[in-house]
Structures are given as C-alpha cells and as structure tokens.
Amino acid sequence: MSFYEVTDFWGLLRFNIHNNNENQITMTTTSAKILSAIFHPLLVPTYALLILMNLQTHSILAIPVNYRYIVVAFVFLSTFVLPSIIIFLLLRIGKIKSLEMQSQRERVLPMLIIALVFYGTYQLLKQTSLAGLITFFMMGSTMLVLITLLINYTTKISLHMIAWGGFLGTMLGFAIRFNYNLTYLLFSIIILIGIIATARLRLNAHSPFQIYLGFVLGTIGMASIFFLI
C-alpha cells in the first residue's frame, strides 16, 4: 500500500464525516441510538476478530477453522459480556448514573475495568498457541484504553471513534507493514466510521473535535505499533 493510497483514505474520511455532519438532520435520534449500540466500542474486538480470522495470513491459516470461532466466542464473552455485566452492576450500586456515562468522571472506573479485562484477554490468548495479529490487536487495544483514560481527564474523547479508529489503524498498519492489499476493506471501514461519527454527533454525545481526536488517536496509535514493535 502506497503513501498516496493512505492519503486518499484520510481525505475520504474527512469528506465522509464532514458531509454526514452537514446532513446529520436526516438521521433520526432512534437510528443514531441503534447504530451507536450495534457498533459499541466493546463490540469492536469481536468484529475485528471475525474479520481477522478470515485474512489469508500464515498465522491465521495455521488455526483450525472450528478453533477460530471458539476464540471469537471467548473474546466476545471476555471483552463484551463480562465488562457489560460489571458496568450494569456499577449502575445498580450507583457508581455511574447511566450506561451512557455522559460525564468524564463517570468513565474512569469502567475504563479501568475494561483495561484490566482487555489485558487479561491478551494474556490468556498469549498463553495459547495463538500468536501474531490476534494477540497483537488485543495488546494494542489495552494500550489505547489506558491512553484514552488519561486523555479523559482533559476532554470527553469519543470512545466509539477510538475503538473504530484503532480497528482501522490495525488494518492499515498491517497492510502497509506486510504489503497486504486490504483496499476494499479499508474503504468500507472508513465509510462505516463516518456513519458512526454522524450518529454520535446526532446524539450530541461529542463535539466534532472529540470525534476527530478519537479517530486520529485510535488510528495512528494502533497503526504506529506495527512499526515500533
């Protein structure tokens, strides 16, 4: 993948978010809530693994097909079901006011828990025969959660954009580092990110700055890991 293709991806995303932002009135609040739920940040590891498991790489092809979906199910339980239950319990005991966690202060404890869960998932996957891109993705996801936690003290950065930007960064970093053609997948992810960004803006969950900050941090943060480790 060339530098010019990467530049085209960035230009497409800027156009997509800007264009959707100008026309976000066409998206209803209900639609925005549904999209925000379907593409919730905690579901990104599961979606990511479903796609990663279908890449024709040496490390993926070495995993038996049946075992691949067992791994996806494990990641779904550990990175979505478990933290969701814990967050719901935090709501019941009054540690957070709503599941949306609208204030920056409310986010701190849940994000610490999510970071621990993600790290635990990474360590468990690392102990198995799995290696390469899957464990790499979980390690990077843990780092992004911790970085987000620090930035959260300054601004209410978009967790949706951090997560989906991180997924884009993973695919982008992999494509560049190993010269793997993922052009159509990358364009699809960018379009999806634009739609999710529009939904978050429609709900007034974030400012455009917080949306862009989350996307840039997630994308660059995860992509750069491929060239630092």
C-alpha atoms as a PDB file:
ATOM      1  CA  MET A   1       0.000   0.000   0.000  1.00  0.00           C
ATOM      2  CA  SER A   2       1.482   3.344  -1.078  1.00  0.00           C
ATOM      3  CA  PHE A   3       1.631   6.715   0.674  1.00  0.00           C
ATOM      4  CA  TYR A   4      -0.818   8.133  -1.863  1.00  0.00           C
ATOM      5  CA  GLU A   5      -3.382   5.453  -1.047  1.00  0.00           C
ATOM      6  CA  VAL A   6      -3.054   6.265   2.661  1.00  0.00           C
ATOM      7  CA  THR A   7      -3.572   9.965   1.871  1.00  0.00           C
ATOM      8  CA  ASP A   8      -6.664   9.081  -0.148  1.00  0.00           C
ATOM      9  CA  PHE A   9      -8.069   7.165   2.829  1.00  0.00           C
ATOM     10  CA  TRP A  10      -7.625  10.186   5.115  1.00  0.00           C
ATOM     11  CA  GLY A  11      -9.207  12.502   2.575  1.00  0.00           C
ATOM     12  CA  LEU A  12     -12.166  10.166   2.157  1.00  0.00           C
ATOM     13  CA  LEU A  13     -12.747  10.003   5.907  1.00  0.00           C
ATOM     14  CA  ARG A  14     -12.636  13.792   6.287  1.00  0.00           C
ATOM     15  CA  PHE A  15     -15.105  14.203   3.453  1.00  0.00           C
ATOM     16  CA  ASN A  16     -17.336  11.437   4.791  1.00  0.00           C
ATOM     17  CA  ILE A  17     -17.589  12.863   8.311  1.00  0.00           C
ATOM     18  CA  HIS A  18     -17.898  16.466   7.124  1.00  0.00           C
ATOM     19  CA  ASN A  19     -20.553  15.608   4.558  1.00  0.00           C
ATOM     20  CA  ASN A  20     -22.517  13.499   7.049  1.00  0.00           C
ATOM     21  CA  ASN A  21     -22.177  16.210   9.683  1.00  0.00           C
ATOM     22  CA  GLU A  22     -23.795  18.760   7.385  1.00  0.00           C
ATOM     23  CA  ASN A  23     -26.659  16.375   6.652  1.00  0.00           C
ATOM     24  CA  GLN A  24     -26.965  14.663  10.040  1.00  0.00           C
ATOM     25  CA  ILE A  25     -30.504  16.009  10.432  1.00  0.00           C
ATOM     26  CA  THR A  26     -31.552  13.213   8.044  1.00  0.00           C
ATOM     27  CA  MET A  27     -30.562  10.641  10.692  1.00  0.00           C
ATOM     28  CA  THR A  28     -33.178  10.242  13.411  1.00  0.00           C
ATOM     29  CA  THR A  29     -32.278  10.030  17.087  1.00  0.00           C
ATOM     30  CA  THR A  30     -33.587   6.475  17.198  1.00  0.00           C
ATOM     31  CA  SER A  31     -31.400   5.451  14.270  1.00  0.00           C
ATOM     32  CA  ALA A  32     -28.398   7.104  15.888  1.00  0.00           C
ATOM     33  CA  LYS A  33     -29.000   5.203  19.149  1.00  0.00           C
ATOM     34  CA  ILE A  34     -29.364   1.896  17.316  1.00  0.00           C
ATOM     35  CA  LEU A  35     -26.155   2.488  15.341  1.00  0.00           C
ATOM     36  CA  SER A  36     -24.297   3.504  18.499  1.00  0.00           C
ATOM     37  CA  ALA A  37     -25.412   0.270  20.173  1.00  0.00           C
ATOM     38  CA  ILE A  38     -24.671  -2.044  17.240  1.00  0.00           C
ATOM     39  CA  PHE A  39     -21.209  -0.557  16.805  1.00  0.00           C
ATOM     40  CA  HIS A  40     -20.500  -0.138  20.523  1.00  0.00           C
ATOM     41  CA  PRO A  41     -16.776   0.139  21.379  1.00  0.00           C
ATOM     42  CA  LEU A  42     -16.875  -3.061  23.442  1.00  0.00           C
ATOM     43  CA  LEU A  43     -18.032  -4.981  20.370  1.00  0.00           C
ATOM     44  CA  VAL A  44     -15.107  -3.843  18.226  1.00  0.00           C
ATOM     45  CA  PRO A  45     -12.727  -6.645  19.364  1.00  0.00           C
ATOM     46  CA  THR A  46     -15.348  -9.218  18.361  1.00  0.00           C
ATOM     47  CA  TYR A  47     -16.000  -7.605  14.976  1.00  0.00           C
ATOM     48  CA  ALA A  48     -12.261  -7.220  14.446  1.00  0.00           C
ATOM     49  CA  LEU A  49     -11.544 -10.874  15.183  1.00  0.00           C
ATOM     50  CA  LEU A  50     -14.311 -12.027  12.855  1.00  0.00           C
ATOM     51  CA  ILE A  51     -12.548 -10.165  10.058  1.00  0.00           C
ATOM     52  CA  LEU A  52      -9.009 -11.045  11.142  1.00  0.00           C
ATOM     53  CA  MET A  53      -9.908 -14.730  11.238  1.00  0.00           C
ATOM     54  CA  ASN A  54     -10.738 -14.586   7.542  1.00  0.00           C
ATOM     55  CA  LEU A  55      -7.481 -12.998   6.416  1.00  0.00           C
ATOM     56  CA  GLN A  56      -5.259 -15.310   4.408  1.00  0.00           C
ATOM     57  CA  THR A  57      -2.167 -14.907   6.571  1.00  0.00           C
ATOM     58  CA  HIS A  58       0.206 -17.607   7.776  1.00  0.00           C
ATOM     59  CA  SER A  59      -0.688 -17.167  11.456  1.00  0.00           C
ATOM     60  CA  ILE A  60      -4.441 -17.289  10.751  1.00  0.00           C
ATOM     61  CA  LEU A  61      -4.302 -20.223   8.318  1.00  0.00           C
ATOM     62  CA  ALA A  62      -2.429 -22.220  10.967  1.00  0.00           C
ATOM     63  CA  ILE A  63      -5.508 -22.037  13.241  1.00  0.00           C
ATOM     64  CA  PRO A  64      -8.143 -24.767  12.647  1.00  0.00           C
ATOM     65  CA  VAL A  65     -11.430 -23.299  11.392  1.00  0.00           C
ATOM     66  CA  ASN A  66     -13.504 -24.578  14.326  1.00  0.00           C
ATOM     67  CA  TYR A  67     -10.961 -23.235  16.802  1.00  0.00           C
ATOM     68  CA  ARG A  68     -11.115 -19.782  15.196  1.00  0.00           C
ATOM     69  CA  TYR A  69     -14.755 -19.312  16.155  1.00  0.00           C
ATOM     70  CA  ILE A  70     -14.144 -20.645  19.643  1.00  0.00           C
ATOM     71  CA  VAL A  71     -11.588 -17.867  20.015  1.00  0.00           C
ATOM     72  CA  VAL A  72     -14.078 -15.286  18.694  1.00  0.00           C
ATOM     73  CA  ALA A  73     -16.703 -16.525  21.168  1.00  0.00           C
ATOM     74  CA  PHE A  74     -14.176 -16.290  24.012  1.00  0.00           C
ATOM     75  CA  VAL A  75     -13.247 -12.727  23.045  1.00  0.00           C
ATOM     76  CA  PHE A  76     -16.941 -11.788  22.812  1.00  0.00           C
ATOM     77  CA  LEU A  77     -17.574 -13.113  26.330  1.00  0.00           C
ATOM     78  CA  SER A  78     -14.448 -11.558  27.853  1.00  0.00           C
ATOM     79  CA  THR A  79     -14.454  -8.157  26.130  1.00  0.00           C
ATOM     80  CA  PHE A  80     -18.192  -7.505  25.817  1.00  0.00           C
ATOM     81  CA  VAL A  81     -20.350  -9.690  28.057  1.00  0.00           C
ATOM     82  CA  LEU A  82     -18.130  -9.566  31.160  1.00  0.00           C
ATOM     83  CA  PRO A  83     -17.466  -5.782  31.166  1.00  0.00           C
ATOM     84  CA  SER A  84     -21.122  -5.126  30.272  1.00  0.00           C
ATOM     85  CA  ILE A  85     -22.247  -7.074  33.336  1.00  0.00           C
ATOM     86  CA  ILE A  86     -19.766  -5.228  35.539  1.00  0.00           C
ATOM     87  CA  ILE A  87     -20.841  -1.840  34.164  1.00  0.00           C
ATOM     88  CA  PHE A  88     -24.500  -2.754  34.744  1.00  0.00           C
ATOM     89  CA  LEU A  89     -23.646  -3.640  38.351  1.00  0.00           C
ATOM     90  CA  LEU A  90     -21.877  -0.293  38.730  1.00  0.00           C
ATOM     91  CA  LEU A  91     -25.106   1.339  37.574  1.00  0.00           C
ATOM     92  CA  ARG A  92     -27.173  -0.625  40.080  1.00  0.00           C
ATOM     93  CA  ILE A  93     -24.974   0.361  43.025  1.00  0.00           C
ATOM     94  CA  GLY A  94     -24.868   3.999  41.946  1.00  0.00           C
ATOM     95  CA  LYS A  95     -21.247   4.274  40.833  1.00  0.00           C
ATOM     96  CA  ILE A  96     -22.421   5.572  37.456  1.00  0.00           C
ATOM     97  CA  LYS A  97     -25.607   7.475  36.654  1.00  0.00           C
ATOM     98  CA  SER A  98     -26.335   5.931  33.251  1.00  0.00           C
ATOM     99  CA  LEU A  99     -24.983   3.359  30.845  1.00  0.00           C
ATOM    100  CA  GLU A 100     -24.035   6.228  28.505  1.00  0.00           C
ATOM    101  CA  MET A 101     -21.649   7.601  31.180  1.00  0.00           C
ATOM    102  CA  GLN A 102     -22.128  11.158  29.982  1.00  0.00           C
ATOM    103  CA  SER A 103     -19.668  12.771  32.367  1.00  0.00           C
ATOM    104  CA  GLN A 104     -15.902  12.315  32.203  1.00  0.00           C
ATOM    105  CA  ARG A 105     -15.754  11.380  35.885  1.00  0.00           C
ATOM    106  CA  GLU A 106     -18.206   8.509  35.425  1.00  0.00           C
ATOM    107  CA  ARG A 107     -15.957   6.954  32.797  1.00  0.00           C
ATOM    108  CA  VAL A 108     -12.876   6.455  34.982  1.00  0.00           C
ATOM    109  CA  LEU A 109     -13.791   3.281  36.921  1.00  0.00           C
ATOM    110  CA  PRO A 110     -15.439   1.492  33.958  1.00  0.00           C
ATOM    111  CA  MET A 111     -12.439   2.272  31.747  1.00  0.00           C
ATOM    112  CA  LEU A 112     -10.031   0.907  34.348  1.00  0.00           C
ATOM    113  CA  ILE A 113     -12.094  -2.277  34.488  1.00  0.00           C
ATOM    114  CA  ILE A 114     -12.179  -2.525  30.693  1.00  0.00           C
ATOM    115  CA  ALA A 115      -8.393  -2.069  30.535  1.00  0.00           C
ATOM    116  CA  LEU A 116      -7.920  -4.909  33.041  1.00  0.00           C
ATOM    117  CA  VAL A 117     -10.336  -7.173  31.146  1.00  0.00           C
ATOM    118  CA  PHE A 118      -8.645  -6.437  27.822  1.00  0.00           C
ATOM    119  CA  TYR A 119      -5.220  -7.084  29.316  1.00  0.00           C
ATOM    120  CA  GLY A 120      -6.431 -10.336  30.864  1.00  0.00           C
ATOM    121  CA  THR A 121      -7.816 -11.404  27.482  1.00  0.00           C
ATOM    122  CA  TYR A 122      -4.490 -10.577  25.852  1.00  0.00           C
ATOM    123  CA  GLN A 123      -2.574 -12.640  28.420  1.00  0.00           C
ATOM    124  CA  LEU A 124      -4.908 -15.630  28.068  1.00  0.00           C
ATOM    125  CA  LEU A 125      -4.651 -15.557  24.267  1.00  0.00           C
ATOM    126  CA  LYS A 126      -0.904 -15.227  24.558  1.00  0.00           C
ATOM    127  CA  GLN A 127      -0.715 -18.426  26.630  1.00  0.00           C
ATOM    128  CA  THR A 128      -2.388 -20.418  23.865  1.00  0.00           C
ATOM    129  CA  SER A 129      -0.971 -21.425  20.505  1.00  0.00           C
ATOM    130  CA  LEU A 130      -2.312 -18.174  19.065  1.00  0.00           C
ATOM    131  CA  ALA A 131       0.214 -15.579  18.002  1.00  0.00           C
ATOM    132  CA  GLY A 132       0.641 -12.699  15.624  1.00  0.00           C
ATOM    133  CA  LEU A 133      -2.143 -10.369  14.621  1.00  0.00           C
ATOM    134  CA  ILE A 134      -4.831 -11.513  17.097  1.00  0.00           C
ATOM    135  CA  THR A 135      -2.822 -11.133  20.304  1.00  0.00           C
ATOM    136  CA  PHE A 136      -1.192  -8.055  18.783  1.00  0.00           C
ATOM    137  CA  PHE A 137      -4.620  -6.455  18.357  1.00  0.00           C
ATOM    138  CA  MET A 138      -5.635  -7.151  21.983  1.00  0.00           C
ATOM    139  CA  MET A 139      -2.358  -5.714  23.285  1.00  0.00           C
ATOM    140  CA  GLY A 140      -2.854  -2.552  21.235  1.00  0.00           C
ATOM    141  CA  SER A 141      -6.484  -2.284  22.368  1.00  0.00           C
ATOM    142  CA  THR A 142      -5.388  -2.392  26.007  1.00  0.00           C
ATOM    143  CA  MET A 143      -2.867   0.381  25.398  1.00  0.00           C
ATOM    144  CA  LEU A 144      -5.499   2.530  23.667  1.00  0.00           C
ATOM    145  CA  VAL A 145      -7.896   2.182  26.620  1.00  0.00           C
ATOM    146  CA  LEU A 146      -5.171   3.350  29.024  1.00  0.00           C
ATOM    147  CA  ILE A 147      -4.250   6.303  26.792  1.00  0.00           C
ATOM    148  CA  THR A 148      -7.936   7.194  26.491  1.00  0.00           C
ATOM    149  CA  LEU A 149      -8.248   7.105  30.266  1.00  0.00           C
ATOM    150  CA  LEU A 150      -5.508   9.724  30.578  1.00  0.00           C
ATOM    151  CA  ILE A 151      -6.991  11.976  27.894  1.00  0.00           C
ATOM    152  CA  ASN A 152     -10.420  11.620  29.506  1.00  0.00           C
ATOM    153  CA  TYR A 153      -9.263  13.918  32.305  1.00  0.00           C
ATOM    154  CA  THR A 154      -8.884  16.702  29.724  1.00  0.00           C
ATOM    155  CA  THR A 155     -11.764  16.128  27.313  1.00  0.00           C
ATOM    156  CA  LYS A 156     -14.592  13.643  26.761  1.00  0.00           C
ATOM    157  CA  ILE A 157     -12.950  11.906  23.827  1.00  0.00           C
ATOM    158  CA  SER A 158     -15.169   9.656  21.687  1.00  0.00           C
ATOM    159  CA  LEU A 159     -14.787   6.017  22.718  1.00  0.00           C
ATOM    160  CA  HIS A 160     -16.566   4.907  19.552  1.00  0.00           C
ATOM    161  CA  MET A 161     -14.007   6.721  17.411  1.00  0.00           C
ATOM    162  CA  ILE A 162     -11.069   5.474  19.490  1.00  0.00           C
ATOM    163  CA  ALA A 163     -12.237   1.894  19.077  1.00  0.00           C
ATOM    164  CA  TRP A 164     -13.096   2.031  15.380  1.00  0.00           C
ATOM    165  CA  GLY A 165     -10.077   4.181  14.608  1.00  0.00           C
ATOM    166  CA  GLY A 166      -7.996   1.520  16.367  1.00  0.00           C
ATOM    167  CA  PHE A 167      -9.501  -1.163  14.169  1.00  0.00           C
ATOM    168  CA  LEU A 168      -8.784   0.910  11.071  1.00  0.00           C
ATOM    169  CA  GLY A 169      -5.242   1.509  12.337  1.00  0.00           C
ATOM    170  CA  THR A 170      -4.719  -2.223  12.787  1.00  0.00           C
ATOM    171  CA  MET A 171      -5.774  -2.996   9.239  1.00  0.00           C
ATOM    172  CA  LEU A 172      -3.847  -0.022   7.842  1.00  0.00           C
ATOM    173  CA  GLY A 173      -0.660  -0.835   9.754  1.00  0.00           C
ATOM    174  CA  PHE A 174      -0.857  -4.477   8.732  1.00  0.00           C
ATOM    175  CA  ALA A 175      -1.443  -3.592   5.076  1.00  0.00           C
ATOM    176  CA  ILE A 176       1.497  -1.166   4.953  1.00  0.00           C
ATOM    177  CA  ARG A 177       3.960  -3.219   7.003  1.00  0.00           C
ATOM    178  CA  PHE A 178       3.353  -6.502   5.192  1.00  0.00           C
ATOM    179  CA  ASN A 179       2.317  -5.087   1.795  1.00  0.00           C
ATOM    180  CA  TYR A 180      -1.087  -6.767   2.040  1.00  0.00           C
ATOM    181  CA  ASN A 181      -3.894  -5.499  -0.182  1.00  0.00           C
ATOM    182  CA  LEU A 182      -6.856  -4.512   2.026  1.00  0.00           C
ATOM    183  CA  THR A 183      -8.041  -1.574  -0.070  1.00  0.00           C
ATOM    184  CA  TYR A 184     -11.728  -2.504  -0.206  1.00  0.00           C
ATOM    185  CA  LEU A 185     -11.847  -3.427   3.467  1.00  0.00           C
ATOM    186  CA  LEU A 186     -10.192  -0.146   4.469  1.00  0.00           C
ATOM    187  CA  PHE A 187     -12.601   1.913   2.385  1.00  0.00           C
ATOM    188  CA  SER A 188     -15.538   0.015   3.914  1.00  0.00           C
ATOM    189  CA  ILE A 189     -14.282   0.684   7.453  1.00  0.00           C
ATOM    190  CA  ILE A 190     -13.809   4.388   6.679  1.00  0.00           C
ATOM    191  CA  ILE A 191     -17.371   4.700   5.380  1.00  0.00           C
ATOM    192  CA  LEU A 192     -18.650   2.901   8.476  1.00  0.00           C
ATOM    193  CA  ILE A 193     -16.635   5.224  10.726  1.00  0.00           C
ATOM    194  CA  GLY A 194     -18.231   8.223   9.019  1.00  0.00           C
ATOM    195  CA  ILE A 195     -21.699   6.796   9.706  1.00  0.00           C
ATOM    196  CA  ILE A 196     -20.873   6.092  13.360  1.00  0.00           C
ATOM    197  CA  ALA A 197     -19.403   9.585  13.765  1.00  0.00           C
ATOM    198  CA  THR A 198     -22.612  11.054  12.372  1.00  0.00           C
ATOM    199  CA  ALA A 199     -24.658   9.049  14.858  1.00  0.00           C
ATOM    200  CA  ARG A 200     -22.578  10.304  17.797  1.00  0.00           C
ATOM    201  CA  LEU A 201     -22.905  13.895  16.595  1.00  0.00           C
ATOM    202  CA  ARG A 202     -26.646  13.442  16.070  1.00  0.00           C
ATOM    203  CA  LEU A 203     -26.975  12.391  19.718  1.00  0.00           C
ATOM    204  CA  ASN A 204     -24.876  15.379  20.821  1.00  0.00           C
ATOM    205  CA  ALA A 205     -22.629  12.909  22.609  1.00  0.00           C
ATOM    206  CA  HIS A 206     -19.469  14.677  21.444  1.00  0.00           C
ATOM    207  CA  SER A 207     -18.171  17.755  19.703  1.00  0.00           C
ATOM    208  CA  PRO A 208     -16.565  17.404  16.242  1.00  0.00           C
ATOM    209  CA  PHE A 209     -13.184  17.942  17.914  1.00  0.00           C
ATOM    210  CA  GLN A 210     -13.736  14.990  20.256  1.00  0.00           C
ATOM    211  CA  ILE A 211     -14.828  12.863  17.302  1.00  0.00           C
ATOM    212  CA  TYR A 212     -11.731  13.704  15.240  1.00  0.00           C
ATOM    213  CA  LEU A 213      -9.435  13.374  18.255  1.00  0.00           C
ATOM    214  CA  GLY A 214     -10.746   9.888  18.989  1.00  0.00           C
ATOM    215  CA  PHE A 215     -10.371   8.793  15.395  1.00  0.00           C
ATOM    216  CA  VAL A 216      -6.852  10.193  14.949  1.00  0.00           C
ATOM    217  CA  LEU A 217      -5.608   8.789  18.252  1.00  0.00           C
ATOM    218  CA  GLY A 218      -7.091   5.362  17.593  1.00  0.00           C
ATOM    219  CA  THR A 219      -5.866   5.109  14.027  1.00  0.00           C
ATOM    220  CA  ILE A 220      -2.362   6.494  14.462  1.00  0.00           C
ATOM    221  CA  GLY A 221      -1.897   4.865  17.858  1.00  0.00           C
ATOM    222  CA  MET A 222      -2.684   1.362  16.643  1.00  0.00           C
ATOM    223  CA  ALA A 223      -1.007   1.706  13.241  1.00  0.00           C
ATOM    224  CA  SER A 224       2.228   3.005  14.770  1.00  0.00           C
ATOM    225  CA  ILE A 225       2.566  -0.111  16.925  1.00  0.00           C
ATOM    226  CA  PHE A 226       3.299  -2.111  13.776  1.00  0.00           C
ATOM    227  CA  PHE A 227       6.427  -0.038  13.209  1.00  0.00           C
ATOM    228  CA  LEU A 228       7.551   0.266  16.836  1.00  0.00           C
ATOM    229  CA  ILE A 229       7.367  -3.360  17.947  1.00  0.00           C
END
